[in-house]
């Protein structure tokens, strides 16, 4: 599973339209379709019900939605923590004082 697929899934769930999702993410519409199909294959689920130009989340898609959001949030939190650590912001300073 690729984080790009999850990012695409979340944008598509918001937009309910692959063309608009493609515009938002600056990707081609076929790339959006491929990301979604690869994610669906990886999960063994059908995430969207396709109806003309509109796409709607299936029950499985609605169930996966909060997990997808949590995955991206955890990734972002991890990256933020690592960056703070690299910058020295998150390092501990231990002082011992005797009197």
C-alpha atoms as a PDB file:
ATOM      1  CA  UNK A   1       0.000   0.000   0.000  1.00  0.00           C
ATOM      2  CA  UNK A   2       1.348   3.382  -1.013  1.00  0.00           C
ATOM      3  CA  UNK A   3       0.634   6.631   0.853  1.00  0.00           C
ATOM      4  CA  UNK A   4      -0.066   8.307  -2.510  1.00  0.00           C
ATOM      5  CA  UNK A   5      -2.980   5.909  -3.024  1.00  0.00           C
ATOM      6  CA  UNK A   6      -4.422   6.821   0.362  1.00  0.00           C
ATOM      7  CA  UNK A   7      -3.999  10.538  -0.339  1.00  0.00           C
ATOM      8  CA  UNK A   8      -5.787  10.041  -3.666  1.00  0.00           C
ATOM      9  CA  UNK A   9      -8.538   8.043  -1.960  1.00  0.00           C
ATOM     10  CA  UNK A  10      -9.187  10.815   0.562  1.00  0.00           C
ATOM     11  CA  UNK A  11      -9.330  13.502  -2.128  1.00  0.00           C
ATOM     12  CA  UNK A  12     -11.662  11.376  -4.265  1.00  0.00           C
ATOM     13  CA  UNK A  13     -13.906  10.669  -1.269  1.00  0.00           C
ATOM     14  CA  UNK A  14     -14.133  14.436  -0.669  1.00  0.00           C
ATOM     15  CA  UNK A  15     -14.779  15.370  -4.295  1.00  0.00           C
ATOM     16  CA  UNK A  16     -16.847  12.346  -5.400  1.00  0.00           C
ATOM     17  CA  UNK A  17     -15.418  12.953  -8.857  1.00  0.00           C
ATOM     18  CA  UNK A  18     -12.167  11.585 -10.306  1.00  0.00           C
ATOM     19  CA  UNK A  19     -11.715  14.465 -12.768  1.00  0.00           C
ATOM     20  CA  UNK A  20     -11.959  17.064  -9.993  1.00  0.00           C
ATOM     21  CA  UNK A  21      -9.667  14.929  -7.845  1.00  0.00           C
ATOM     22  CA  UNK A  22      -7.131  14.888 -10.670  1.00  0.00           C
ATOM     23  CA  UNK A  23      -7.263  18.682 -10.917  1.00  0.00           C
ATOM     24  CA  UNK A  24      -6.872  19.097  -7.147  1.00  0.00           C
ATOM     25  CA  UNK A  25      -3.864  16.764  -6.990  1.00  0.00           C
ATOM     26  CA  UNK A  26      -2.309  17.915 -10.291  1.00  0.00           C
ATOM     27  CA  UNK A  27      -2.454  14.369 -11.677  1.00  0.00           C
ATOM     28  CA  UNK A  28      -4.088  12.871 -14.749  1.00  0.00           C
ATOM     29  CA  UNK A  29      -7.493  11.261 -14.394  1.00  0.00           C
ATOM     30  CA  UNK A  30      -6.121   7.830 -15.460  1.00  0.00           C
ATOM     31  CA  UNK A  31      -3.541   8.122 -12.653  1.00  0.00           C
ATOM     32  CA  UNK A  32      -6.354   8.711 -10.148  1.00  0.00           C
ATOM     33  CA  UNK A  33      -8.161   5.621 -11.427  1.00  0.00           C
ATOM     34  CA  UNK A  34      -4.982   3.545 -11.194  1.00  0.00           C
ATOM     35  CA  UNK A  35      -4.279   4.702  -7.615  1.00  0.00           C
ATOM     36  CA  UNK A  36      -7.813   3.772  -6.560  1.00  0.00           C
ATOM     37  CA  UNK A  37      -7.713   0.393  -8.331  1.00  0.00           C
ATOM     38  CA  UNK A  38      -4.343  -0.447  -6.763  1.00  0.00           C
ATOM     39  CA  UNK A  39      -5.609   0.527  -3.308  1.00  0.00           C
ATOM     40  CA  UNK A  40      -8.773  -1.520  -3.813  1.00  0.00           C
ATOM     41  CA  UNK A  41      -6.698  -4.490  -4.936  1.00  0.00           C
ATOM     42  CA  UNK A  42      -4.345  -4.097  -1.968  1.00  0.00           C
ATOM     43  CA  UNK A  43      -7.266  -4.010   0.479  1.00  0.00           C
ATOM     44  CA  UNK A  44      -9.396  -6.565  -1.335  1.00  0.00           C
ATOM     45  CA  UNK A  45     -12.323  -4.128  -1.228  1.00  0.00           C
ATOM     46  CA  UNK A  46     -14.342  -2.011  -3.614  1.00  0.00           C
ATOM     47  CA  UNK A  47     -14.092   1.502  -2.214  1.00  0.00           C
ATOM     48  CA  UNK A  48     -16.143   3.427  -4.770  1.00  0.00           C
ATOM     49  CA  UNK A  49     -19.338   2.843  -6.649  1.00  0.00           C
ATOM     50  CA  UNK A  50     -18.971   4.402 -10.067  1.00  0.00           C
ATOM     51  CA  UNK A  51     -21.999   6.138 -11.533  1.00  0.00           C
ATOM     52  CA  UNK A  52     -21.141   8.079 -14.685  1.00  0.00           C
ATOM     53  CA  UNK A  53     -18.821  10.912 -13.730  1.00  0.00           C
ATOM     54  CA  UNK A  54     -19.708  10.619 -10.068  1.00  0.00           C
ATOM     55  CA  UNK A  55     -18.167   8.191  -7.644  1.00  0.00           C
ATOM     56  CA  UNK A  56     -19.652   7.392  -4.268  1.00  0.00           C
ATOM     57  CA  UNK A  57     -18.063   5.614  -1.365  1.00  0.00           C
ATOM     58  CA  UNK A  58     -19.284   2.090  -0.833  1.00  0.00           C
ATOM     59  CA  UNK A  59     -19.981   0.856   2.675  1.00  0.00           C
ATOM     60  CA  UNK A  60     -16.435  -0.545   2.677  1.00  0.00           C
ATOM     61  CA  UNK A  61     -15.108   2.833   1.515  1.00  0.00           C
ATOM     62  CA  UNK A  62     -16.937   4.644   4.306  1.00  0.00           C
ATOM     63  CA  UNK A  63     -15.544   2.162   6.812  1.00  0.00           C
ATOM     64  CA  UNK A  64     -11.979   2.616   5.491  1.00  0.00           C
ATOM     65  CA  UNK A  65     -12.199   6.439   5.424  1.00  0.00           C
ATOM     66  CA  UNK A  66     -11.344   7.120   9.108  1.00  0.00           C
ATOM     67  CA  UNK A  67      -8.505   4.587   8.936  1.00  0.00           C
ATOM     68  CA  UNK A  68      -7.079   6.286   5.840  1.00  0.00           C
ATOM     69  CA  UNK A  69      -7.243   9.654   7.602  1.00  0.00           C
ATOM     70  CA  UNK A  70      -5.496   8.169  10.653  1.00  0.00           C
ATOM     71  CA  UNK A  71      -2.752   6.639   8.475  1.00  0.00           C
ATOM     72  CA  UNK A  72      -1.932   9.969   6.833  1.00  0.00           C
ATOM     73  CA  UNK A  73      -2.188  11.827  10.140  1.00  0.00           C
ATOM     74  CA  UNK A  74       0.212   9.345  11.804  1.00  0.00           C
ATOM     75  CA  UNK A  75       2.630   9.682   8.895  1.00  0.00           C
ATOM     76  CA  UNK A  76       2.528  13.481   9.092  1.00  0.00           C
ATOM     77  CA  UNK A  77       2.967  13.453  12.877  1.00  0.00           C
ATOM     78  CA  UNK A  78       5.947  11.130  12.517  1.00  0.00           C
ATOM     79  CA  UNK A  79       7.552  13.322   9.865  1.00  0.00           C
ATOM     80  CA  UNK A  80       6.951  16.453  11.969  1.00  0.00           C
ATOM     81  CA  UNK A  81       8.532  14.776  15.007  1.00  0.00           C
ATOM     82  CA  UNK A  82      11.582  13.629  13.043  1.00  0.00           C
ATOM     83  CA  UNK A  83      12.043  17.096  11.538  1.00  0.00           C
ATOM     84  CA  UNK A  84      11.806  18.751  14.962  1.00  0.00           C
ATOM     85  CA  UNK A  85      14.361  16.267  16.281  1.00  0.00           C
ATOM     86  CA  UNK A  86      16.745  16.964  13.371  1.00  0.00           C
ATOM     87  CA  UNK A  87      16.446  20.696  14.052  1.00  0.00           C
ATOM     88  CA  UNK A  88      17.212  20.146  17.714  1.00  0.00           C
ATOM     89  CA  UNK A  89      13.808  21.305  18.912  1.00  0.00           C
ATOM     90  CA  UNK A  90      12.753  17.948  20.330  1.00  0.00           C
ATOM     91  CA  UNK A  91      15.989  16.921  22.021  1.00  0.00           C
ATOM     92  CA  UNK A  92      16.094  16.601  25.771  1.00  0.00           C
ATOM     93  CA  UNK A  93      18.458  18.566  27.912  1.00  0.00           C
ATOM     94  CA  UNK A  94      19.112  17.060  31.320  1.00  0.00           C
ATOM     95  CA  UNK A  95      20.540  19.270  34.027  1.00  0.00           C
ATOM     96  CA  UNK A  96      21.761  18.105  37.403  1.00  0.00           C
ATOM     97  CA  UNK A  97      22.012  20.694  40.121  1.00  0.00           C
ATOM     98  CA  UNK A  98      23.609  20.137  43.508  1.00  0.00           C
ATOM     99  CA  UNK A  99      23.233  22.456  46.362  1.00  0.00           C
END
